[in-house]
Amino acid sequence: MKYLTATGKIIQGDTPAEVFENLKNASPYDAKLTLWSFLEILTLRVHVYYGEKMAIQGMTHLLNQLENVGFLIRVE
């Protein structure tokens, strides 16, 4: 899976967990966080900037939600 982020970065991974891990590590501020903490902060950011509430009901579901609001755009 390969995605373009809202900030223009390319993020990829073979699984949703790898995509989120790579997304987390792409930011020096988030790289030190646990994956779970990052996902919680990510959903808060999306709520603040996009006005969309997201539920962490699994990584595939969260990935789909991020695509739906335009935070991630699938390129492959």
PDB file of N, CA and C in Angstrom:
ATOM      1  N   MET A   1       0.849  -1.179   0.000  1.00  0.00           N
ATOM      2  CA  MET A   1       0.000   0.000   0.000  1.00  0.00           C
ATOM      3  C   MET A   1       0.887   1.232   0.000  1.00  0.00           C
ATOM      4  N   LYS A   2       0.498   2.193  -0.804  1.00  0.00           N
ATOM      5  CA  LYS A   2       1.279   3.421  -0.918  1.00  0.00           C
ATOM      6  C   LYS A   2       0.320   4.598  -0.872  1.00  0.00           C
ATOM      7  N   TYR A   3       0.658   5.594  -0.058  1.00  0.00           N
ATOM      8  CA  TYR A   3      -0.222   6.741   0.143  1.00  0.00           C
ATOM      9  C   TYR A   3       0.542   8.042   0.034  1.00  0.00           C
ATOM     10  N   LEU A   4      -0.169   9.070  -0.396  1.00  0.00           N
ATOM     11  CA  LEU A   4       0.315  10.436  -0.365  1.00  0.00           C
ATOM     12  C   LEU A   4      -0.382  11.109   0.809  1.00  0.00           C
ATOM     13  N   THR A   5       0.401  11.755   1.685  1.00  0.00           N
ATOM     14  CA  THR A   5      -0.201  12.423   2.838  1.00  0.00           C
ATOM     15  C   THR A   5      -0.659  13.822   2.456  1.00  0.00           C
ATOM     16  N   ALA A   6      -1.398  14.425   3.353  1.00  0.00           N
ATOM     17  CA  ALA A   6      -1.874  15.788   3.140  1.00  0.00           C
ATOM     18  C   ALA A   6      -0.721  16.780   3.066  1.00  0.00           C
ATOM     19  N   THR A   7       0.440  16.409   3.596  1.00  0.00           N
ATOM     20  CA  THR A   7       1.609  17.291   3.561  1.00  0.00           C
ATOM     21  C   THR A   7       2.550  16.964   2.412  1.00  0.00           C
ATOM     22  N   GLY A   8       2.161  16.025   1.543  1.00  0.00           N
ATOM     23  CA  GLY A   8       2.951  15.717   0.360  1.00  0.00           C
ATOM     24  C   GLY A   8       3.994  14.624   0.513  1.00  0.00           C
ATOM     25  N   LYS A   9       3.982  13.909   1.628  1.00  0.00           N
ATOM     26  CA  LYS A   9       4.927  12.811   1.825  1.00  0.00           C
ATOM     27  C   LYS A   9       4.337  11.511   1.290  1.00  0.00           C
ATOM     28  N   ILE A  10       5.207  10.646   0.794  1.00  0.00           N
ATOM     29  CA  ILE A  10       4.789   9.310   0.368  1.00  0.00           C
ATOM     30  C   ILE A  10       5.053   8.351   1.525  1.00  0.00           C
ATOM     31  N   ILE A  11       4.020   7.637   1.914  1.00  0.00           N
ATOM     32  CA  ILE A  11       4.100   6.657   3.003  1.00  0.00           C
ATOM     33  C   ILE A  11       3.644   5.325   2.437  1.00  0.00           C
ATOM     34  N   GLN A  12       4.382   4.264   2.759  1.00  0.00           N
ATOM     35  CA  GLN A  12       3.968   2.951   2.265  1.00  0.00           C
ATOM     36  C   GLN A  12       4.233   1.873   3.298  1.00  0.00           C
ATOM     37  N   GLY A  13       3.596   0.737   3.072  1.00  0.00           N
ATOM     38  CA  GLY A  13       3.755  -0.422   3.928  1.00  0.00           C
ATOM     39  C   GLY A  13       2.960  -1.578   3.371  1.00  0.00           C
ATOM     40  N   ASP A  14       3.329  -2.779   3.779  1.00  0.00           N
ATOM     41  CA  ASP A  14       2.624  -3.976   3.310  1.00  0.00           C
ATOM     42  C   ASP A  14       1.325  -4.215   4.064  1.00  0.00           C
ATOM     43  N   THR A  15       1.217  -3.672   5.271  1.00  0.00           N
ATOM     44  CA  THR A  15       0.022  -3.831   6.094  1.00  0.00           C
ATOM     45  C   THR A  15      -0.386  -2.465   6.633  1.00  0.00           C
ATOM     46  N   PRO A  16      -1.623  -2.316   7.106  1.00  0.00           N
ATOM     47  CA  PRO A  16      -2.004  -1.047   7.724  1.00  0.00           C
ATOM     48  C   PRO A  16      -1.100  -0.679   8.905  1.00  0.00           C
ATOM     49  N   ALA A  17      -0.680  -1.659   9.687  1.00  0.00           N
ATOM     50  CA  ALA A  17       0.208  -1.375  10.821  1.00  0.00           C
ATOM     51  C   ALA A  17       1.526  -0.780  10.338  1.00  0.00           C
ATOM     52  N   GLU A  18       2.078  -1.302   9.248  1.00  0.00           N
ATOM     53  CA  GLU A  18       3.325  -0.761   8.700  1.00  0.00           C
ATOM     54  C   GLU A  18       3.114   0.650   8.155  1.00  0.00           C
ATOM     55  N   VAL A  19       1.977   0.895   7.538  1.00  0.00           N
ATOM     56  CA  VAL A  19       1.676   2.234   7.032  1.00  0.00           C
ATOM     57  C   VAL A  19       1.658   3.219   8.197  1.00  0.00           C
ATOM     58  N   PHE A  20       0.965   2.876   9.276  1.00  0.00           N
ATOM     59  CA  PHE A  20       0.890   3.776  10.421  1.00  0.00           C
ATOM     60  C   PHE A  20       2.238   3.933  11.108  1.00  0.00           C
ATOM     61  N   GLU A  21       3.005   2.867  11.198  1.00  0.00           N
ATOM     62  CA  GLU A  21       4.347   2.949  11.796  1.00  0.00           C
ATOM     63  C   GLU A  21       5.230   3.882  10.970  1.00  0.00           C
ATOM     64  N   ASN A  22       5.172   3.763   9.657  1.00  0.00           N
ATOM     65  CA  ASN A  22       5.965   4.627   8.784  1.00  0.00           C
ATOM     66  C   ASN A  22       5.468   6.070   8.807  1.00  0.00           C
ATOM     67  N   LEU A  23       4.166   6.255   8.920  1.00  0.00           N
ATOM     68  CA  LEU A  23       3.597   7.596   9.052  1.00  0.00           C
ATOM     69  C   LEU A  23       4.081   8.234  10.356  1.00  0.00           C
ATOM     70  N   LYS A  24       4.067   7.460  11.415  1.00  0.00           N
ATOM     71  CA  LYS A  24       4.543   7.932  12.721  1.00  0.00           C
ATOM     72  C   LYS A  24       6.012   8.316  12.646  1.00  0.00           C
ATOM     73  N   ASN A  25       6.816   7.473  12.045  1.00  0.00           N
ATOM     74  CA  ASN A  25       8.258   7.711  11.995  1.00  0.00           C
ATOM     75  C   ASN A  25       8.661   8.809  11.013  1.00  0.00           C
ATOM     76  N   ALA A  26       7.734   9.237  10.165  1.00  0.00           N
ATOM     77  CA  ALA A  26       8.019  10.308   9.212  1.00  0.00           C
ATOM     78  C   ALA A  26       8.047  11.677   9.888  1.00  0.00           C
ATOM     79  N   SER A  27       7.578  11.739  11.102  1.00  0.00           N
ATOM     80  CA  SER A  27       7.566  12.995  11.845  1.00  0.00           C
ATOM     81  C   SER A  27       8.505  12.901  13.043  1.00  0.00           C
ATOM     82  N   PRO A  28       9.449  13.826  13.162  1.00  0.00           N
ATOM     83  CA  PRO A  28      10.351  13.770  14.311  1.00  0.00           C
ATOM     84  C   PRO A  28       9.623  13.951  15.643  1.00  0.00           C
ATOM     85  N   TYR A  29       8.480  14.612  15.633  1.00  0.00           N
ATOM     86  CA  TYR A  29       7.712  14.807  16.860  1.00  0.00           C
ATOM     87  C   TYR A  29       6.986  13.541  17.289  1.00  0.00           C
ATOM     88  N   ASP A  30       6.594  12.730  16.332  1.00  0.00           N
ATOM     89  CA  ASP A  30       5.801  11.541  16.632  1.00  0.00           C
ATOM     90  C   ASP A  30       6.624  10.267  16.725  1.00  0.00           C
ATOM     91  N   ALA A  31       7.820  10.256  16.189  1.00  0.00           N
ATOM     92  CA  ALA A  31       8.621   9.036  16.099  1.00  0.00           C
ATOM     93  C   ALA A  31       8.867   8.382  17.452  1.00  0.00           C
ATOM     94  N   LYS A  32       8.923   9.168  18.503  1.00  0.00           N
ATOM     95  CA  LYS A  32       9.207   8.620  19.831  1.00  0.00           C
ATOM     96  C   LYS A  32       7.972   8.014  20.507  1.00  0.00           C
ATOM     97  N   LEU A  33       6.805   8.233  19.958  1.00  0.00           N
ATOM     98  CA  LEU A  33       5.566   7.741  20.542  1.00  0.00           C
ATOM     99  C   LEU A  33       5.377   6.251  20.280  1.00  0.00           C
ATOM    100  N   THR A  34       4.584   5.620  21.133  1.00  0.00           N
ATOM    101  CA  THR A  34       4.152   4.263  20.823  1.00  0.00           C
ATOM    102  C   THR A  34       3.141   4.361  19.686  1.00  0.00           C
ATOM    103  N   LEU A  35       2.933   3.278  19.000  1.00  0.00           N
ATOM    104  CA  LEU A  35       1.986   3.303  17.885  1.00  0.00           C
ATOM    105  C   LEU A  35       0.587   3.664  18.374  1.00  0.00           C
ATOM    106  N   TRP A  36       0.174   3.104  19.487  1.00  0.00           N
ATOM    107  CA  TRP A  36      -1.161   3.388  20.019  1.00  0.00           C
ATOM    108  C   TRP A  36      -1.316   4.868  20.366  1.00  0.00           C
ATOM    109  N   SER A  37      -0.314   5.457  21.023  1.00  0.00           N
ATOM    110  CA  SER A  37      -0.367   6.885  21.359  1.00  0.00           C
ATOM    111  C   SER A  37      -0.435   7.724  20.090  1.00  0.00           C
ATOM    112  N   PHE A  38       0.337   7.343  19.090  1.00  0.00           N
ATOM    113  CA  PHE A  38       0.316   8.065  17.818  1.00  0.00           C
ATOM    114  C   PHE A  38      -1.077   8.016  17.191  1.00  0.00           C
ATOM    115  N   LEU A  39      -1.700   6.846  17.191  1.00  0.00           N
ATOM    116  CA  LEU A  39      -3.037   6.723  16.593  1.00  0.00           C
ATOM    117  C   LEU A  39      -4.052   7.590  17.322  1.00  0.00           C
ATOM    118  N   GLU A  40      -3.950   7.656  18.643  1.00  0.00           N
ATOM    119  CA  GLU A  40      -4.862   8.507  19.406  1.00  0.00           C
ATOM    120  C   GLU A  40      -4.652   9.978  19.062  1.00  0.00           C
ATOM    121  N   ILE A  41      -3.394  10.397  18.965  1.00  0.00           N
ATOM    122  CA  ILE A  41      -3.085  11.784  18.622  1.00  0.00           C
ATOM    123  C   ILE A  41      -3.496  12.078  17.183  1.00  0.00           C
ATOM    124  N   LEU A  42      -3.284  11.134  16.296  1.00  0.00           N
ATOM    125  CA  LEU A  42      -3.671  11.299  14.895  1.00  0.00           C
ATOM    126  C   LEU A  42      -5.174  11.523  14.761  1.00  0.00           C
ATOM    127  N   THR A  43      -5.967  10.745  15.475  1.00  0.00           N
ATOM    128  CA  THR A  43      -7.423  10.929  15.395  1.00  0.00           C
ATOM    129  C   THR A  43      -7.833  12.283  15.964  1.00  0.00           C
ATOM    130  N   LEU A  44      -7.135  12.751  16.982  1.00  0.00           N
ATOM    131  CA  LEU A  44      -7.418  14.080  17.541  1.00  0.00           C
ATOM    132  C   LEU A  44      -7.068  15.169  16.519  1.00  0.00           C
ATOM    133  N   ARG A  45      -5.935  15.032  15.852  1.00  0.00           N
ATOM    134  CA  ARG A  45      -5.544  16.013  14.823  1.00  0.00           C
ATOM    135  C   ARG A  45      -6.560  16.063  13.691  1.00  0.00           C
ATOM    136  N   VAL A  46      -6.999  14.908  13.251  1.00  0.00           N
ATOM    137  CA  VAL A  46      -7.989  14.863  12.171  1.00  0.00           C
ATOM    138  C   VAL A  46      -9.280  15.533  12.621  1.00  0.00           C
ATOM    139  N   HIS A  47      -9.662  15.322  13.852  1.00  0.00           N
ATOM    140  CA  HIS A  47     -10.872  15.956  14.371  1.00  0.00           C
ATOM    141  C   HIS A  47     -10.723  17.477  14.387  1.00  0.00           C
ATOM    142  N   VAL A  48      -9.567  17.960  14.835  1.00  0.00           N
ATOM    143  CA  VAL A  48      -9.329  19.405  14.923  1.00  0.00           C
ATOM    144  C   VAL A  48      -9.251  20.043  13.533  1.00  0.00           C
ATOM    145  N   TYR A  49      -8.486  19.441  12.626  1.00  0.00           N
ATOM    146  CA  TYR A  49      -8.235  20.067  11.332  1.00  0.00           C
ATOM    147  C   TYR A  49      -9.278  19.756  10.263  1.00  0.00           C
ATOM    148  N   TYR A  50      -9.943  18.603  10.383  1.00  0.00           N
ATOM    149  CA  TYR A  50     -10.912  18.204   9.354  1.00  0.00           C
ATOM    150  C   TYR A  50     -12.349  18.185   9.873  1.00  0.00           C
ATOM    151  N   GLY A  51     -12.508  18.321  11.189  1.00  0.00           N
ATOM    152  CA  GLY A  51     -13.844  18.314  11.767  1.00  0.00           C
ATOM    153  C   GLY A  51     -14.507  16.949  11.764  1.00  0.00           C
ATOM    154  N   GLU A  52     -13.712  15.898  11.605  1.00  0.00           N
ATOM    155  CA  GLU A  52     -14.241  14.532  11.537  1.00  0.00           C
ATOM    156  C   GLU A  52     -13.789  13.739  12.756  1.00  0.00           C
ATOM    157  N   LYS A  53     -14.762  13.131  13.442  1.00  0.00           N
ATOM    158  CA  LYS A  53     -14.419  12.247  14.553  1.00  0.00           C
ATOM    159  C   LYS A  53     -14.108  10.875  13.995  1.00  0.00           C
ATOM    160  N   MET A  54     -13.046  10.276  14.492  1.00  0.00           N
ATOM    161  CA  MET A  54     -12.620   8.959  14.032  1.00  0.00           C
ATOM    162  C   MET A  54     -12.575   8.010  15.215  1.00  0.00           C
ATOM    163  N   ALA A  55     -12.970   6.792  14.952  1.00  0.00           N
ATOM    164  CA  ALA A  55     -12.901   5.742  15.972  1.00  0.00           C
ATOM    165  C   ALA A  55     -11.797   4.772  15.570  1.00  0.00           C
ATOM    166  N   ILE A  56     -11.022   4.361  16.548  1.00  0.00           N
ATOM    167  CA  ILE A  56      -9.975   3.375  16.279  1.00  0.00           C
ATOM    168  C   ILE A  56     -10.610   1.998  16.491  1.00  0.00           C
ATOM    169  N   GLN A  57     -11.213   1.490  15.435  1.00  0.00           N
ATOM    170  CA  GLN A  57     -11.877   0.180  15.481  1.00  0.00           C
ATOM    171  C   GLN A  57     -11.079  -0.846  14.704  1.00  0.00           C
ATOM    172  N   GLY A  58      -9.800  -0.636  14.646  1.00  0.00           N
ATOM    173  CA  GLY A  58      -8.917  -1.489  13.876  1.00  0.00           C
ATOM    174  C   GLY A  58      -8.163  -0.630  12.879  1.00  0.00           C
ATOM    175  N   MET A  59      -6.984  -1.065  12.540  1.00  0.00           N
ATOM    176  CA  MET A  59      -6.125  -0.248  11.685  1.00  0.00           C
ATOM    177  C   MET A  59      -6.641  -0.133  10.258  1.00  0.00           C
ATOM    178  N   THR A  60      -7.232  -1.189   9.734  1.00  0.00           N
ATOM    179  CA  THR A  60      -7.786  -1.121   8.376  1.00  0.00           C
ATOM    180  C   THR A  60      -8.935  -0.123   8.337  1.00  0.00           C
ATOM    181  N   HIS A  61      -9.790  -0.164   9.339  1.00  0.00           N
ATOM    182  CA  HIS A  61     -10.923   0.765   9.420  1.00  0.00           C
ATOM    183  C   HIS A  61     -10.427   2.208   9.531  1.00  0.00           C
ATOM    184  N   LEU A  62      -9.431   2.444  10.363  1.00  0.00           N
ATOM    185  CA  LEU A  62      -8.889   3.793  10.522  1.00  0.00           C
ATOM    186  C   LEU A  62      -8.241   4.276   9.221  1.00  0.00           C
ATOM    187  N   LEU A  63      -7.539   3.405   8.553  1.00  0.00           N
ATOM    188  CA  LEU A  63      -6.922   3.758   7.269  1.00  0.00           C
ATOM    189  C   LEU A  63      -7.998   4.165   6.259  1.00  0.00           C
ATOM    190  N   ASN A  64      -9.089   3.427   6.218  1.00  0.00           N
ATOM    191  CA  ASN A  64     -10.201   3.763   5.318  1.00  0.00           C
ATOM    192  C   ASN A  64     -10.818   5.115   5.669  1.00  0.00           C
ATOM    193  N   GLN A  65     -10.950   5.389   6.960  1.00  0.00           N
ATOM    194  CA  GLN A  65     -11.499   6.675   7.393  1.00  0.00           C
ATOM    195  C   GLN A  65     -10.592   7.834   6.963  1.00  0.00           C
ATOM    196  N   LEU A  66      -9.279   7.627   7.098  1.00  0.00           N
ATOM    197  CA  LEU A  66      -8.329   8.673   6.711  1.00  0.00           C
ATOM    198  C   LEU A  66      -8.364   8.923   5.207  1.00  0.00           C
ATOM    199  N   GLU A  67      -8.600   7.878   4.434  1.00  0.00           N
ATOM    200  CA  GLU A  67      -8.767   8.045   2.983  1.00  0.00           C
ATOM    201  C   GLU A  67     -10.045   8.825   2.688  1.00  0.00           C
ATOM    202  N   ASN A  68     -11.110   8.507   3.389  1.00  0.00           N
ATOM    203  CA  ASN A  68     -12.406   9.150   3.139  1.00  0.00           C
ATOM    204  C   ASN A  68     -12.388  10.648   3.400  1.00  0.00           C
ATOM    205  N   VAL A  69     -11.601  11.096   4.388  1.00  0.00           N
ATOM    206  CA  VAL A  69     -11.549  12.540   4.675  1.00  0.00           C
ATOM    207  C   VAL A  69     -10.475  13.248   3.873  1.00  0.00           C
ATOM    208  N   GLY A  70      -9.661  12.501   3.126  1.00  0.00           N
ATOM    209  CA  GLY A  70      -8.626  13.105   2.300  1.00  0.00           C
ATOM    210  C   GLY A  70      -7.299  13.317   2.997  1.00  0.00           C
ATOM    211  N   PHE A  71      -7.133  12.778   4.191  1.00  0.00           N
ATOM    212  CA  PHE A  71      -5.852  12.887   4.889  1.00  0.00           C
ATOM    213  C   PHE A  71      -4.786  12.033   4.198  1.00  0.00           C
ATOM    214  N   LEU A  72      -5.197  10.884   3.695  1.00  0.00           N
ATOM    215  CA  LEU A  72      -4.321  10.011   2.917  1.00  0.00           C
ATOM    216  C   LEU A  72      -4.972   9.758   1.570  1.00  0.00           C
ATOM    217  N   ILE A  73      -4.159   9.772   0.525  1.00  0.00           N
ATOM    218  CA  ILE A  73      -4.647   9.464  -0.807  1.00  0.00           C
ATOM    219  C   ILE A  73      -3.863   8.246  -1.314  1.00  0.00           C
ATOM    220  N   ARG A  74      -4.596   7.190  -1.641  1.00  0.00           N
ATOM    221  CA  ARG A  74      -3.935   5.970  -2.113  1.00  0.00           C
ATOM    222  C   ARG A  74      -3.378   6.217  -3.511  1.00  0.00           C
ATOM    223  N   VAL A  75      -2.090   5.902  -3.675  1.00  0.00           N
ATOM    224  CA  VAL A  75      -1.461   6.067  -4.988  1.00  0.00           C
ATOM    225  C   VAL A  75      -1.089   4.729  -5.613  1.00  0.00           C
ATOM    226  N   GLU A  76      -1.190   3.656  -4.865  1.00  0.00           N
ATOM    227  CA  GLU A  76      -0.914   2.315  -5.383  1.00  0.00           C
ATOM    228  C   GLU A  76      -1.720   1.304  -4.625  1.00  0.00           C
TER     229      GLU A  76
END
